[in-house]
Amino acid sequence: AVAVRNAPTDMHDAILAQGLSLDSGKTR
């Protein structure tokens, strides 16, 4: 696991604490 997509804001801290990146699911 390297990233989490479509995570709501209340999950962000727990996700980042595991060293995972946040992915909105959008491209440039």
mmCIF file of all heavy atoms, coordinates in Angstrom:
data_MODEL
# 
_entry.id   MODEL 
# 
loop_
_atom_site.group_PDB 
_atom_site.id 
_atom_site.type_symbol 
_atom_site.label_atom_id 
_atom_site.label_alt_id 
_atom_site.label_comp_id 
_atom_site.label_asym_id 
_atom_site.label_entity_id 
_atom_site.label_seq_id 
_atom_site.pdbx_PDB_ins_code 
_atom_site.Cartn_x 
_atom_site.Cartn_y 
_atom_site.Cartn_z 
_atom_site.occupancy 
_atom_site.B_iso_or_equiv 
_atom_site.pdbx_formal_charge 
_atom_site.auth_seq_id 
_atom_site.auth_comp_id 
_atom_site.auth_asym_id 
_atom_site.auth_atom_id 
_atom_site.pdbx_PDB_model_num 
ATOM 1   N N   . ALA A 1 1  ? 0.838   -1.200 0.000   1.00 0.00 ? 1  ALA A N   1 
ATOM 2   C CA  . ALA A 1 1  ? 0.000   0.000  0.000   1.00 0.00 ? 1  ALA A CA  1 
ATOM 3   C C   . ALA A 1 1  ? 0.874   1.250  0.000   1.00 0.00 ? 1  ALA A C   1 
ATOM 4   O O   . ALA A 1 1  ? 1.804   1.367  0.794   1.00 0.00 ? 1  ALA A O   1 
ATOM 5   C CB  . ALA A 1 1  ? -0.916  -0.009 1.220   1.00 0.00 ? 1  ALA A CB  1 
ATOM 6   N N   . VAL A 1 2  ? 0.568   2.185  -0.910  1.00 0.00 ? 2  VAL A N   1 
ATOM 7   C CA  . VAL A 1 2  ? 1.358   3.415  -1.005  1.00 0.00 ? 2  VAL A CA  1 
ATOM 8   C C   . VAL A 1 2  ? 0.495   4.668  -0.876  1.00 0.00 ? 2  VAL A C   1 
ATOM 9   O O   . VAL A 1 2  ? 1.009   5.736  -0.556  1.00 0.00 ? 2  VAL A O   1 
ATOM 10  C CB  . VAL A 1 2  ? 2.145   3.480  -2.338  1.00 0.00 ? 2  VAL A CB  1 
ATOM 11  C CG1 . VAL A 1 2  ? 3.207   2.402  -2.382  1.00 0.00 ? 2  VAL A CG1 1 
ATOM 12  C CG2 . VAL A 1 2  ? 1.204   3.363  -3.535  1.00 0.00 ? 2  VAL A CG2 1 
ATOM 13  N N   . ALA A 1 3  ? -0.810  4.546  -1.130  1.00 0.00 ? 3  ALA A N   1 
ATOM 14  C CA  . ALA A 1 3  ? -1.666  5.731  -1.099  1.00 0.00 ? 3  ALA A CA  1 
ATOM 15  C C   . ALA A 1 3  ? -3.111  5.321  -0.859  1.00 0.00 ? 3  ALA A C   1 
ATOM 16  O O   . ALA A 1 3  ? -3.481  4.153  -1.040  1.00 0.00 ? 3  ALA A O   1 
ATOM 17  C CB  . ALA A 1 3  ? -1.547  6.518  -2.405  1.00 0.00 ? 3  ALA A CB  1 
ATOM 18  N N   . VAL A 1 4  ? -3.915  6.309  -0.468  1.00 0.00 ? 4  VAL A N   1 
ATOM 19  C CA  . VAL A 1 4  ? -5.351  6.105  -0.265  1.00 0.00 ? 4  VAL A CA  1 
ATOM 20  C C   . VAL A 1 4  ? -6.090  7.146  -1.094  1.00 0.00 ? 4  VAL A C   1 
ATOM 21  O O   . VAL A 1 4  ? -5.778  8.339  -1.044  1.00 0.00 ? 4  VAL A O   1 
ATOM 22  C CB  . VAL A 1 4  ? -5.744  6.234  1.221   1.00 0.00 ? 4  VAL A CB  1 
ATOM 23  C CG1 . VAL A 1 4  ? -7.246  6.013  1.392   1.00 0.00 ? 4  VAL A CG1 1 
ATOM 24  C CG2 . VAL A 1 4  ? -4.960  5.228  2.063   1.00 0.00 ? 4  VAL A CG2 1 
ATOM 25  N N   . ARG A 1 5  ? -7.058  6.673  -1.847  1.00 0.00 ? 5  ARG A N   1 
ATOM 26  C CA  . ARG A 1 5  ? -7.814  7.540  -2.749  1.00 0.00 ? 5  ARG A CA  1 
ATOM 27  C C   . ARG A 1 5  ? -9.212  7.815  -2.178  1.00 0.00 ? 5  ARG A C   1 
ATOM 28  O O   . ARG A 1 5  ? -9.834  6.946  -1.588  1.00 0.00 ? 5  ARG A O   1 
ATOM 29  C CB  . ARG A 1 5  ? -7.926  6.859  -4.119  1.00 0.00 ? 5  ARG A CB  1 
ATOM 30  C CG  . ARG A 1 5  ? -8.658  7.649  -5.192  1.00 0.00 ? 5  ARG A CG  1 
ATOM 31  C CD  . ARG A 1 5  ? -8.548  6.931  -6.516  1.00 0.00 ? 5  ARG A CD  1 
ATOM 32  N NE  . ARG A 1 5  ? -7.157  6.864  -6.970  1.00 0.00 ? 5  ARG A NE  1 
ATOM 33  C CZ  . ARG A 1 5  ? -6.687  5.935  -7.782  1.00 0.00 ? 5  ARG A CZ  1 
ATOM 34  N NH1 . ARG A 1 5  ? -7.470  4.954  -8.211  1.00 0.00 ? 5  ARG A NH1 1 
ATOM 35  N NH2 . ARG A 1 5  ? -5.422  5.964  -8.150  1.00 0.00 ? 5  ARG A NH2 1 
ATOM 36  N N   . ASN A 1 6  ? -9.696  9.040  -2.392  1.00 0.00 ? 6  ASN A N   1 
ATOM 37  C CA  . ASN A 1 6  ? -11.060 9.441  -2.020  1.00 0.00 ? 6  ASN A CA  1 
ATOM 38  C C   . ASN A 1 6  ? -11.328 9.360  -0.520  1.00 0.00 ? 6  ASN A C   1 
ATOM 39  O O   . ASN A 1 6  ? -12.450 9.077  -0.090  1.00 0.00 ? 6  ASN A O   1 
ATOM 40  C CB  . ASN A 1 6  ? -12.094 8.586  -2.771  1.00 0.00 ? 6  ASN A CB  1 
ATOM 41  C CG  . ASN A 1 6  ? -12.017 8.765  -4.276  1.00 0.00 ? 6  ASN A CG  1 
ATOM 42  O OD1 . ASN A 1 6  ? -11.902 9.896  -4.755  1.00 0.00 ? 6  ASN A OD1 1 
ATOM 43  N ND2 . ASN A 1 6  ? -12.063 7.675  -5.018  1.00 0.00 ? 6  ASN A ND2 1 
ATOM 44  N N   . ALA A 1 7  ? -10.307 9.613  0.280   1.00 0.00 ? 7  ALA A N   1 
ATOM 45  C CA  . ALA A 1 7  ? -10.478 9.561  1.737   1.00 0.00 ? 7  ALA A CA  1 
ATOM 46  C C   . ALA A 1 7  ? -11.074 10.867 2.245   1.00 0.00 ? 7  ALA A C   1 
ATOM 47  O O   . ALA A 1 7  ? -10.597 11.948 1.874   1.00 0.00 ? 7  ALA A O   1 
ATOM 48  C CB  . ALA A 1 7  ? -9.143  9.297  2.419   1.00 0.00 ? 7  ALA A CB  1 
ATOM 49  N N   . PRO A 1 8  ? -12.099 10.810 3.116   1.00 0.00 ? 8  PRO A N   1 
ATOM 50  C CA  . PRO A 1 8  ? -12.626 12.039 3.714   1.00 0.00 ? 8  PRO A CA  1 
ATOM 51  C C   . PRO A 1 8  ? -11.597 12.651 4.658   1.00 0.00 ? 8  PRO A C   1 
ATOM 52  O O   . PRO A 1 8  ? -10.662 11.985 5.115   1.00 0.00 ? 8  PRO A O   1 
ATOM 53  C CB  . PRO A 1 8  ? -13.872 11.558 4.465   1.00 0.00 ? 8  PRO A CB  1 
ATOM 54  C CG  . PRO A 1 8  ? -13.646 10.101 4.706   1.00 0.00 ? 8  PRO A CG  1 
ATOM 55  C CD  . PRO A 1 8  ? -12.834 9.613  3.558   1.00 0.00 ? 8  PRO A CD  1 
ATOM 56  N N   . THR A 1 9  ? -11.807 13.912 4.989   1.00 0.00 ? 9  THR A N   1 
ATOM 57  C CA  . THR A 1 9  ? -10.836 14.668 5.787   1.00 0.00 ? 9  THR A CA  1 
ATOM 58  C C   . THR A 1 9  ? -10.554 14.015 7.132   1.00 0.00 ? 9  THR A C   1 
ATOM 59  O O   . THR A 1 9  ? -9.409  14.029 7.610   1.00 0.00 ? 9  THR A O   1 
ATOM 60  C CB  . THR A 1 9  ? -11.338 16.109 6.001   1.00 0.00 ? 9  THR A CB  1 
ATOM 61  O OG1 . THR A 1 9  ? -11.615 16.688 4.725   1.00 0.00 ? 9  THR A OG1 1 
ATOM 62  C CG2 . THR A 1 9  ? -10.292 16.949 6.713   1.00 0.00 ? 9  THR A CG2 1 
ATOM 63  N N   . ASP A 1 10 ? -11.595 13.426 7.753   1.00 0.00 ? 10 ASP A N   1 
ATOM 64  C CA  . ASP A 1 10 ? -11.391 12.866 9.088   1.00 0.00 ? 10 ASP A CA  1 
ATOM 65  C C   . ASP A 1 10 ? -10.508 11.622 9.094   1.00 0.00 ? 10 ASP A C   1 
ATOM 66  O O   . ASP A 1 10 ? -10.119 11.141 10.157  1.00 0.00 ? 10 ASP A O   1 
ATOM 67  C CB  . ASP A 1 10 ? -12.737 12.557 9.758   1.00 0.00 ? 10 ASP A CB  1 
ATOM 68  C CG  . ASP A 1 10 ? -13.595 11.585 8.967   1.00 0.00 ? 10 ASP A CG  1 
ATOM 69  O OD1 . ASP A 1 10 ? -13.172 11.168 7.861   1.00 0.00 ? 10 ASP A OD1 1 
ATOM 70  O OD2 . ASP A 1 10 ? -14.687 11.219 9.442   1.00 0.00 ? 10 ASP A OD2 1 
ATOM 71  N N   . MET A 1 11 ? -10.168 11.089 7.917   1.00 0.00 ? 11 MET A N   1 
ATOM 72  C CA  . MET A 1 11 ? -9.267  9.936  7.832   1.00 0.00 ? 11 MET A CA  1 
ATOM 73  C C   . MET A 1 11 ? -7.819  10.346 7.612   1.00 0.00 ? 11 MET A C   1 
ATOM 74  O O   . MET A 1 11 ? -6.909  9.531  7.757   1.00 0.00 ? 11 MET A O   1 
ATOM 75  C CB  . MET A 1 11 ? -9.682  9.005  6.681   1.00 0.00 ? 11 MET A CB  1 
ATOM 76  C CG  . MET A 1 11 ? -10.939 8.212  6.894   1.00 0.00 ? 11 MET A CG  1 
ATOM 77  S SD  . MET A 1 11 ? -11.165 7.067  5.486   1.00 0.00 ? 11 MET A SD  1 
ATOM 78  C CE  . MET A 1 11 ? -12.702 6.263  5.937   1.00 0.00 ? 11 MET A CE  1 
ATOM 79  N N   . HIS A 1 12 ? -7.596  11.589 7.213   1.00 0.00 ? 12 HIS A N   1 
ATOM 80  C CA  . HIS A 1 12 ? -6.280  12.003 6.723   1.00 0.00 ? 12 HIS A CA  1 
ATOM 81  C C   . HIS A 1 12 ? -5.163  11.771 7.733   1.00 0.00 ? 12 HIS A C   1 
ATOM 82  O O   . HIS A 1 12 ? -4.098  11.251 7.384   1.00 0.00 ? 12 HIS A O   1 
ATOM 83  C CB  . HIS A 1 12 ? -6.314  13.472 6.290   1.00 0.00 ? 12 HIS A CB  1 
ATOM 84  C CG  . HIS A 1 12 ? -7.068  13.685 5.010   1.00 0.00 ? 12 HIS A CG  1 
ATOM 85  N ND1 . HIS A 1 12 ? -7.106  14.900 4.357   1.00 0.00 ? 12 HIS A ND1 1 
ATOM 86  C CD2 . HIS A 1 12 ? -7.814  12.835 4.265   1.00 0.00 ? 12 HIS A CD2 1 
ATOM 87  C CE1 . HIS A 1 12 ? -7.833  14.787 3.273   1.00 0.00 ? 12 HIS A CE1 1 
ATOM 88  N NE2 . HIS A 1 12 ? -8.293  13.552 3.191   1.00 0.00 ? 12 HIS A NE2 1 
ATOM 89  N N   . ASP A 1 13 ? -5.373  12.162 8.976   1.00 0.00 ? 13 ASP A N   1 
ATOM 90  C CA  . ASP A 1 13 ? -4.296  12.041 9.968   1.00 0.00 ? 13 ASP A CA  1 
ATOM 91  C C   . ASP A 1 13 ? -3.882  10.583 10.159  1.00 0.00 ? 13 ASP A C   1 
ATOM 92  O O   . ASP A 1 13 ? -2.683  10.264 10.228  1.00 0.00 ? 13 ASP A O   1 
ATOM 93  C CB  . ASP A 1 13 ? -4.741  12.643 11.303  1.00 0.00 ? 13 ASP A CB  1 
ATOM 94  C CG  . ASP A 1 13 ? -4.806  14.169 11.263  1.00 0.00 ? 13 ASP A CG  1 
ATOM 95  O OD1 . ASP A 1 13 ? -4.223  14.747 10.321  1.00 0.00 ? 13 ASP A OD1 1 
ATOM 96  O OD2 . ASP A 1 13 ? -5.438  14.759 12.163  1.00 0.00 ? 13 ASP A OD2 1 
ATOM 97  N N   . ALA A 1 14 ? -4.869  9.682  10.255  1.00 0.00 ? 14 ALA A N   1 
ATOM 98  C CA  . ALA A 1 14 ? -4.569  8.263  10.462  1.00 0.00 ? 14 ALA A CA  1 
ATOM 99  C C   . ALA A 1 14 ? -3.853  7.673  9.253   1.00 0.00 ? 14 ALA A C   1 
ATOM 100 O O   . ALA A 1 14 ? -2.954  6.830  9.394   1.00 0.00 ? 14 ALA A O   1 
ATOM 101 C CB  . ALA A 1 14 ? -5.853  7.496  10.748  1.00 0.00 ? 14 ALA A CB  1 
ATOM 102 N N   . ILE A 1 15 ? -4.238  8.120  8.068   1.00 0.00 ? 15 ILE A N   1 
ATOM 103 C CA  . ILE A 1 15 ? -3.598  7.632  6.840   1.00 0.00 ? 15 ILE A CA  1 
ATOM 104 C C   . ILE A 1 15 ? -2.144  8.095  6.775   1.00 0.00 ? 15 ILE A C   1 
ATOM 105 O O   . ILE A 1 15 ? -1.226  7.304  6.520   1.00 0.00 ? 15 ILE A O   1 
ATOM 106 C CB  . ILE A 1 15 ? -4.385  8.120  5.607   1.00 0.00 ? 15 ILE A CB  1 
ATOM 107 C CG1 . ILE A 1 15 ? -5.752  7.431  5.538   1.00 0.00 ? 15 ILE A CG1 1 
ATOM 108 C CG2 . ILE A 1 15 ? -3.593  7.863  4.317   1.00 0.00 ? 15 ILE A CG2 1 
ATOM 109 C CD1 . ILE A 1 15 ? -6.687  8.044  4.521   1.00 0.00 ? 15 ILE A CD1 1 
ATOM 110 N N   . LEU A 1 16 ? -1.935  9.364  7.002   1.00 0.00 ? 16 LEU A N   1 
ATOM 111 C CA  . LEU A 1 16 ? -0.582  9.911  6.945   1.00 0.00 ? 16 LEU A CA  1 
ATOM 112 C C   . LEU A 1 16 ? 0.322   9.313  8.014   1.00 0.00 ? 16 LEU A C   1 
ATOM 113 O O   . LEU A 1 16 ? 1.532   9.162  7.817   1.00 0.00 ? 16 LEU A O   1 
ATOM 114 C CB  . LEU A 1 16 ? -0.631  11.437 7.077   1.00 0.00 ? 16 LEU A CB  1 
ATOM 115 C CG  . LEU A 1 16 ? -1.323  12.181 5.927   1.00 0.00 ? 16 LEU A CG  1 
ATOM 116 C CD1 . LEU A 1 16 ? -1.481  13.665 6.258   1.00 0.00 ? 16 LEU A CD1 1 
ATOM 117 C CD2 . LEU A 1 16 ? -0.566  12.000 4.619   1.00 0.00 ? 16 LEU A CD2 1 
ATOM 118 N N   . ALA A 1 17 ? -0.273  8.948  9.164   1.00 0.00 ? 17 ALA A N   1 
ATOM 119 C CA  . ALA A 1 17 ? 0.516   8.350  10.247  1.00 0.00 ? 17 ALA A CA  1 
ATOM 120 C C   . ALA A 1 17 ? 1.086   6.994  9.846   1.00 0.00 ? 17 ALA A C   1 
ATOM 121 O O   . ALA A 1 17 ? 2.080   6.538  10.429  1.00 0.00 ? 17 ALA A O   1 
ATOM 122 C CB  . ALA A 1 17 ? -0.353  8.200  11.498  1.00 0.00 ? 17 ALA A CB  1 
ATOM 123 N N   . GLN A 1 18 ? 0.477   6.328  8.855   1.00 0.00 ? 18 GLN A N   1 
ATOM 124 C CA  . GLN A 1 18 ? 0.989   5.057  8.365   1.00 0.00 ? 18 GLN A CA  1 
ATOM 125 C C   . GLN A 1 18 ? 1.986   5.230  7.220   1.00 0.00 ? 18 GLN A C   1 
ATOM 126 O O   . GLN A 1 18 ? 2.433   4.252  6.618   1.00 0.00 ? 18 GLN A O   1 
ATOM 127 C CB  . GLN A 1 18 ? -0.174  4.165  7.890   1.00 0.00 ? 18 GLN A CB  1 
ATOM 128 C CG  . GLN A 1 18 ? -1.103  3.711  8.996   1.00 0.00 ? 18 GLN A CG  1 
ATOM 129 C CD  . GLN A 1 18 ? -0.383  2.889  10.034  1.00 0.00 ? 18 GLN A CD  1 
ATOM 130 O OE1 . GLN A 1 18 ? 0.450   2.041  9.708   1.00 0.00 ? 18 GLN A OE1 1 
ATOM 131 N NE2 . GLN A 1 18 ? -0.676  3.144  11.305  1.00 0.00 ? 18 GLN A NE2 1 
ATOM 132 N N   . GLY A 1 19 ? 2.313   6.488  6.899   1.00 0.00 ? 19 GLY A N   1 
ATOM 133 C CA  . GLY A 1 19 ? 3.262   6.738  5.814   1.00 0.00 ? 19 GLY A CA  1 
ATOM 134 C C   . GLY A 1 19 ? 2.644   6.632  4.440   1.00 0.00 ? 19 GLY A C   1 
ATOM 135 O O   . GLY A 1 19 ? 3.359   6.556  3.432   1.00 0.00 ? 19 GLY A O   1 
ATOM 136 N N   . LEU A 1 20 ? 1.304   6.631  4.366   1.00 0.00 ? 20 LEU A N   1 
ATOM 137 C CA  . LEU A 1 20 ? 0.608   6.549  3.089   1.00 0.00 ? 20 LEU A CA  1 
ATOM 138 C C   . LEU A 1 20 ? 0.330   7.946  2.552   1.00 0.00 ? 20 LEU A C   1 
ATOM 139 O O   . LEU A 1 20 ? 0.165   8.897  3.319   1.00 0.00 ? 20 LEU A O   1 
ATOM 140 C CB  . LEU A 1 20 ? -0.712  5.785  3.244   1.00 0.00 ? 20 LEU A CB  1 
ATOM 141 C CG  . LEU A 1 20 ? -0.619  4.373  3.807   1.00 0.00 ? 20 LEU A CG  1 
ATOM 142 C CD1 . LEU A 1 20 ? -2.013  3.803  4.050   1.00 0.00 ? 20 LEU A CD1 1 
ATOM 143 C CD2 . LEU A 1 20 ? 0.158   3.467  2.852   1.00 0.00 ? 20 LEU A CD2 1 
ATOM 144 N N   . SER A 1 21 ? 0.255   8.061  1.237   1.00 0.00 ? 21 SER A N   1 
ATOM 145 C CA  . SER A 1 21 ? -0.065  9.336  0.605   1.00 0.00 ? 21 SER A CA  1 
ATOM 146 C C   . SER A 1 21 ? -1.570  9.471  0.424   1.00 0.00 ? 21 SER A C   1 
ATOM 147 O O   . SER A 1 21 ? -2.307  8.477  0.457   1.00 0.00 ? 21 SER A O   1 
ATOM 148 C CB  . SER A 1 21 ? 0.630   9.438  -0.758  1.00 0.00 ? 21 SER A CB  1 
ATOM 149 O OG  . SER A 1 21 ? 2.036   9.360  -0.612  1.00 0.00 ? 21 SER A OG  1 
ATOM 150 N N   . LEU A 1 22 ? -2.007  10.688 0.207   1.00 0.00 ? 22 LEU A N   1 
ATOM 151 C CA  . LEU A 1 22 ? -3.414  10.974 -0.066  1.00 0.00 ? 22 LEU A CA  1 
ATOM 152 C C   . LEU A 1 22 ? -3.587  11.224 -1.556  1.00 0.00 ? 22 LEU A C   1 
ATOM 153 O O   . LEU A 1 22 ? -2.841  11.995 -2.153  1.00 0.00 ? 22 LEU A O   1 
ATOM 154 C CB  . LEU A 1 22 ? -3.876  12.186 0.727   1.00 0.00 ? 22 LEU A CB  1 
ATOM 155 C CG  . LEU A 1 22 ? -3.866  12.024 2.251   1.00 0.00 ? 22 LEU A CG  1 
ATOM 156 C CD1 . LEU A 1 22 ? -4.098  13.366 2.931   1.00 0.00 ? 22 LEU A CD1 1 
ATOM 157 C CD2 . LEU A 1 22 ? -4.913  11.008 2.691   1.00 0.00 ? 22 LEU A CD2 1 
ATOM 158 N N   . ASP A 1 23 ? -4.557  10.555 -2.151  1.00 0.00 ? 23 ASP A N   1 
ATOM 159 C CA  . ASP A 1 23 ? -4.810  10.671 -3.578  1.00 0.00 ? 23 ASP A CA  1 
ATOM 160 C C   . ASP A 1 23 ? -6.272  11.063 -3.752  1.00 0.00 ? 23 ASP A C   1 
ATOM 161 O O   . ASP A 1 23 ? -7.172  10.329 -3.342  1.00 0.00 ? 23 ASP A O   1 
ATOM 162 C CB  . ASP A 1 23 ? -4.520  9.333  -4.267  1.00 0.00 ? 23 ASP A CB  1 
ATOM 163 C CG  . ASP A 1 23 ? -4.692  9.391  -5.776  1.00 0.00 ? 23 ASP A CG  1 
ATOM 164 O OD1 . ASP A 1 23 ? -5.197  10.405 -6.278  1.00 0.00 ? 23 ASP A OD1 1 
ATOM 165 O OD2 . ASP A 1 23 ? -4.343  8.399  -6.452  1.00 0.00 ? 23 ASP A OD2 1 
ATOM 166 N N   . SER A 1 24 ? -6.514  12.219 -4.369  1.00 0.00 ? 24 SER A N   1 
ATOM 167 C CA  . SER A 1 24 ? -7.892  12.685 -4.555  1.00 0.00 ? 24 SER A CA  1 
ATOM 168 C C   . SER A 1 24 ? -8.618  11.909 -5.631  1.00 0.00 ? 24 SER A C   1 
ATOM 169 O O   . SER A 1 24 ? -9.838  11.997 -5.767  1.00 0.00 ? 24 SER A O   1 
ATOM 170 C CB  . SER A 1 24 ? -7.889  14.170 -4.918  1.00 0.00 ? 24 SER A CB  1 
ATOM 171 O OG  . SER A 1 24 ? -7.298  14.366 -6.189  1.00 0.00 ? 24 SER A OG  1 
ATOM 172 N N   . GLY A 1 25 ? -7.862  11.161 -6.461  1.00 0.00 ? 25 GLY A N   1 
ATOM 173 C CA  . GLY A 1 25 ? -8.480  10.452 -7.573  1.00 0.00 ? 25 GLY A CA  1 
ATOM 174 C C   . GLY A 1 25 ? -8.522  11.276 -8.835  1.00 0.00 ? 25 GLY A C   1 
ATOM 175 O O   . GLY A 1 25 ? -8.900  10.782 -9.895  1.00 0.00 ? 25 GLY A O   1 
ATOM 176 N N   . LYS A 1 26 ? -8.121  12.552 -8.746  1.00 0.00 ? 26 LYS A N   1 
ATOM 177 C CA  . LYS A 1 26 ? -8.117  13.417 -9.922  1.00 0.00 ? 26 LYS A CA  1 
ATOM 178 C C   . LYS A 1 26 ? -6.748  13.411 -10.574 1.00 0.00 ? 26 LYS A C   1 
ATOM 179 O O   . LYS A 1 26 ? -5.739  13.180 -9.923  1.00 0.00 ? 26 LYS A O   1 
ATOM 180 C CB  . LYS A 1 26 ? -8.487  14.857 -9.532  1.00 0.00 ? 26 LYS A CB  1 
ATOM 181 C CG  . LYS A 1 26 ? -9.898  14.995 -8.980  1.00 0.00 ? 26 LYS A CG  1 
ATOM 182 C CD  . LYS A 1 26 ? -10.183 16.445 -8.638  1.00 0.00 ? 26 LYS A CD  1 
ATOM 183 C CE  . LYS A 1 26 ? -11.601 16.607 -8.089  1.00 0.00 ? 26 LYS A CE  1 
ATOM 184 N NZ  . LYS A 1 26 ? -11.884 18.028 -7.745  1.00 0.00 ? 26 LYS A NZ  1 
ATOM 185 N N   . THR A 1 27 ? -6.708  13.661 -11.844 1.00 0.00 ? 27 THR A N   1 
ATOM 186 C CA  . THR A 1 27 ? -5.454  13.802 -12.580 1.00 0.00 ? 27 THR A CA  1 
ATOM 187 C C   . THR A 1 27 ? -5.223  15.275 -12.864 1.00 0.00 ? 27 THR A C   1 
ATOM 188 O O   . THR A 1 27 ? -6.094  16.122 -12.663 1.00 0.00 ? 27 THR A O   1 
ATOM 189 C CB  . THR A 1 27 ? -5.490  13.033 -13.915 1.00 0.00 ? 27 THR A CB  1 
ATOM 190 O OG1 . THR A 1 27 ? -6.488  13.639 -14.749 1.00 0.00 ? 27 THR A OG1 1 
ATOM 191 C CG2 . THR A 1 27 ? -5.847  11.570 -13.689 1.00 0.00 ? 27 THR A CG2 1 
ATOM 192 N N   . ARG A 1 28 ? -4.047  15.594 -13.354 1.00 0.00 ? 28 ARG A N   1 
ATOM 193 C CA  . ARG A 1 28 ? -3.749  16.993 -13.681 1.00 0.00 ? 28 ARG A CA  1 
ATOM 194 C C   . ARG A 1 28 ? -4.703  17.521 -14.733 1.00 0.00 ? 28 ARG A C   1 
ATOM 195 O O   . ARG A 1 28 ? -4.997  18.709 -14.793 1.00 0.00 ? 28 ARG A O   1 
ATOM 196 C CB  . ARG A 1 28 ? -2.302  17.109 -14.164 1.00 0.00 ? 28 ARG A CB  1 
ATOM 197 C CG  . ARG A 1 28 ? -1.290  16.810 -13.077 1.00 0.00 ? 28 ARG A CG  1 
ATOM 198 C CD  . ARG A 1 28 ? 0.121   16.947 -13.590 1.00 0.00 ? 28 ARG A CD  1 
ATOM 199 N NE  . ARG A 1 28 ? 1.089   16.638 -12.567 1.00 0.00 ? 28 ARG A NE  1 
ATOM 200 C CZ  . ARG A 1 28 ? 2.390   16.662 -12.765 1.00 0.00 ? 28 ARG A CZ  1 
ATOM 201 N NH1 . ARG A 1 28 ? 2.872   16.989 -13.941 1.00 0.00 ? 28 ARG A NH1 1 
ATOM 202 N NH2 . ARG A 1 28 ? 3.225   16.352 -11.779 1.00 0.00 ? 28 ARG A NH2 1 
# 
